[in-house]
Protein backbone atom coordinates (compact mmCIF):
# COMPACT_ATOMS: atom_id res chain seq x y z
CA UNK A 1 142.39 108.48 20.85
CA UNK A 2 141.05 105.11 20.34
CA UNK A 3 137.45 104.47 20.45
CA UNK A 4 135.75 101.07 21.72
CA UNK A 5 132.10 101.26 21.41
CA UNK A 6 130.66 104.67 22.61
CA UNK A 7 133.60 105.20 25.16
CA UNK A 8 137.19 106.41 24.61
CA UNK A 9 139.99 105.50 26.90
CA UNK A 10 140.41 109.08 27.90
CA UNK A 11 137.00 109.22 29.23
CA UNK A 12 137.41 106.12 31.18
CA UNK A 13 140.70 107.42 32.80
CA UNK A 14 138.93 110.68 33.79
CA UNK A 15 136.07 108.73 35.30
CA UNK A 16 138.43 106.58 37.37
CA UNK A 17 140.20 109.68 38.55
CA UNK A 18 136.98 111.22 39.49
CA UNK A 19 135.79 108.15 41.38
CA UNK A 20 139.11 107.93 43.22
CA UNK A 21 138.89 111.56 44.11
CA UNK A 22 135.36 111.30 45.37
CA UNK A 23 136.20 108.29 47.34
CA UNK A 24 139.13 110.01 48.94
CA UNK A 25 136.98 112.91 49.73
CA UNK A 26 134.25 110.97 51.37
CA UNK A 27 136.92 109.36 53.81
CA UNK A 28 138.60 112.62 54.54
CA UNK A 29 135.42 114.81 55.00
CA UNK A 30 134.60 113.78 58.64
CA UNK A 31 138.19 114.51 59.77
CA UNK A 32 138.28 117.84 57.92
CA UNK A 33 135.17 119.07 59.84
CA UNK A 34 136.81 118.81 63.24
CA UNK A 35 139.27 121.18 64.60
CA UNK A 36 141.02 118.80 66.91
CA UNK A 37 140.74 114.93 66.35
CA UNK A 38 139.45 112.91 69.39
CA UNK A 39 142.11 110.78 70.92
CA UNK A 40 141.24 107.17 71.56
CA UNK A 41 143.08 105.24 74.28
CA UNK A 42 143.18 101.54 74.28
CA UNK A 43 142.64 101.05 78.10
CA UNK A 44 139.85 103.80 78.16
CA UNK A 45 137.58 103.22 75.00
CA UNK A 46 134.49 104.72 76.73
CA UNK A 47 136.37 108.14 77.49
CA UNK A 48 135.16 110.62 74.97
CA UNK A 49 136.18 114.08 74.35
CA UNK A 50 134.24 115.49 77.29
CA UNK A 51 136.04 113.22 79.67
CA UNK A 52 139.26 113.99 78.16
CA UNK A 53 138.51 117.63 78.54
CA UNK A 54 137.50 117.11 82.22
CA UNK A 55 140.99 115.29 82.76
CA UNK A 56 142.73 118.31 81.24
CA UNK A 57 140.90 120.73 83.34
CA UNK A 58 141.60 118.82 86.59
CA UNK A 59 145.33 118.49 85.71
CA UNK A 60 145.54 122.22 84.96
CA UNK A 61 143.85 122.97 88.18
CA UNK A 62 146.09 120.74 90.20
CA UNK A 63 149.24 122.18 88.49
CA UNK A 64 148.61 124.98 86.13
CA UNK A 65 150.55 124.88 82.74
CA UNK A 66 152.97 127.64 81.73
CA UNK A 67 153.56 127.07 77.92
CA UNK A 68 155.80 130.13 77.65
CA UNK A 69 158.35 129.32 80.34
CA UNK A 70 157.95 125.58 80.17
CA UNK A 71 156.77 124.50 76.60
CA UNK A 72 156.04 120.98 75.93
CA UNK A 73 155.00 118.92 72.94
CA UNK A 74 151.66 117.83 74.23
CA UNK A 75 149.39 119.46 76.86
CA UNK A 76 149.19 118.10 80.34
CA UNK A 77 145.91 116.35 80.10
CA UNK A 78 147.08 114.31 77.08
CA UNK A 79 150.31 113.47 78.70
CA UNK A 80 148.56 112.19 81.79
CA UNK A 81 146.16 110.18 79.95
CA UNK A 82 148.83 108.66 77.60
CA UNK A 83 151.18 107.81 80.58
CA UNK A 84 148.26 106.06 82.49
CA UNK A 85 147.12 104.16 79.23
CA UNK A 86 150.55 103.14 78.27
CA UNK A 87 152.61 102.79 81.35
CA UNK A 88 149.94 102.52 84.16
CA UNK A 89 149.72 99.27 86.11
CA UNK A 90 146.39 97.48 86.13
CA UNK A 91 145.69 99.08 89.62
CA UNK A 92 146.41 102.57 88.27
CA UNK A 93 144.12 101.98 85.43
CA UNK A 94 141.34 100.80 87.68
CA UNK A 95 141.89 103.80 89.99
CA UNK A 96 141.80 106.11 86.99
CA UNK A 97 138.39 104.62 85.53
CA UNK A 98 136.67 104.28 88.96
CA UNK A 99 138.00 107.60 90.32
CA UNK A 100 136.73 109.46 87.13
CA UNK A 101 133.23 108.08 87.63
CA UNK A 102 133.40 108.71 91.50
CA UNK A 103 134.67 112.33 90.70
CA UNK A 104 131.71 113.03 88.57
CA UNK A 105 129.25 111.62 91.16
CA UNK A 106 130.83 113.48 94.02
CA UNK A 107 130.57 116.59 92.15
CA UNK A 108 126.96 116.12 91.33
CA UNK A 109 125.04 112.84 92.01
CA UNK A 110 122.69 113.52 89.19
CA UNK A 111 125.63 114.72 86.82
CA UNK A 112 123.59 118.02 86.35
CA UNK A 113 126.73 120.05 87.53
CA UNK A 114 129.79 120.38 85.60
CA UNK A 115 133.32 120.97 87.06
CA UNK A 116 134.05 123.44 84.16
CA UNK A 117 131.16 125.57 85.06
CA UNK A 118 132.57 126.13 88.60
CA UNK A 119 134.72 129.36 89.28
CA UNK A 120 138.33 128.82 89.85
CA UNK A 121 137.93 129.48 93.60
CA UNK A 122 135.16 126.79 93.80
CA UNK A 123 137.21 124.38 91.77
CA UNK A 124 140.20 124.74 94.12
CA UNK A 125 137.98 124.50 97.23
CA UNK A 126 136.28 121.39 95.83
CA UNK A 127 139.64 119.66 94.97
CA UNK A 128 141.11 120.70 98.35
CA UNK A 129 138.30 119.05 100.06
CA UNK A 130 138.53 115.90 97.90
CA UNK A 131 142.35 115.59 98.62
CA UNK A 132 141.94 115.64 102.30
CA UNK A 133 138.92 113.05 102.24
CA UNK A 134 140.08 109.56 102.13
CA UNK A 135 138.01 108.21 99.23
CA UNK A 136 138.37 106.77 95.72
CA UNK A 137 138.44 110.28 94.36
CA UNK A 138 141.45 111.22 96.63
CA UNK A 139 143.49 108.20 95.02
CA UNK A 140 142.39 109.39 91.62
CA UNK A 141 143.42 113.00 92.27
CA UNK A 142 146.78 111.82 93.58
CA UNK A 143 147.42 109.61 90.57
CA UNK A 144 146.68 112.71 88.31
CA UNK A 145 148.94 114.79 90.55
CA UNK A 146 151.75 112.35 90.21
CA UNK A 147 151.67 112.48 86.43
CA UNK A 148 151.09 116.36 86.40
CA UNK A 149 154.40 116.58 88.27
CA UNK A 150 156.13 114.13 85.98
CA UNK A 151 154.89 116.24 82.95
CA UNK A 152 156.33 119.29 84.46
CA UNK A 153 159.62 117.80 85.69
CA UNK A 154 160.37 116.27 82.08
CA UNK A 155 159.91 119.67 80.37
CA UNK A 156 163.09 120.79 78.61
CA UNK A 157 163.39 124.16 80.32
CA UNK A 158 162.89 122.64 83.76
CA UNK A 159 165.63 120.01 83.20
CA UNK A 160 168.18 122.50 81.75
CA UNK A 161 167.51 125.75 83.73
CA UNK A 162 166.79 124.34 87.02
CA UNK A 163 168.51 120.89 87.26
CA UNK A 164 171.51 121.74 84.89
CA UNK A 165 170.67 118.54 82.91
CA UNK A 166 172.60 118.17 79.78
CA UNK A 167 170.86 116.03 77.00
CA UNK A 168 174.22 115.07 75.51
CA UNK A 169 176.63 113.86 78.17
CA UNK A 170 180.34 114.28 77.78
CA UNK A 171 180.55 117.86 76.58
CA UNK A 172 183.39 118.53 74.20
CA UNK A 173 185.76 121.12 75.39
CA UNK A 174 188.19 121.85 72.31
CA UNK A 175 191.48 123.16 73.52
CA UNK A 176 191.77 122.76 77.32
CA UNK A 177 195.07 122.72 79.13
CA UNK A 178 195.74 119.43 80.84
């Protein structure tokens, strides 16, 4: 081990390794503390985890998920938000943003009442009332309904079991008499 001054090369290497380890740990620590990372959508930068949870709850109230019979790679709320963010027209995006605020206000003008705190019967009753009223909230809920149905109809089990869809066209039938 070569010594220059009071430090050896071995100690410098160890110090650099420790600095790298501490720096990496500082960057990873905030992500390690959360169970599920918060998704950020480019068209909805102000939508935080609470809003995303509300969208998921609304989607599951409109059309309940069945992960056993119809498994999907992402939950319904994530699918709806991703589709509106990535594929939605500017009109759909404005309906979504405006409808979300109008929905919160129609539920409770002072935002003191939360949709998650309602019983399932009250949630269904409230949504039924909102579907039949011609408001911004109705357009918002119809948009959610449209993408909830799309999520269900594109699940693998629905396509294969109910529509007899084949993912690979042109099935190979080995020895078949012609």
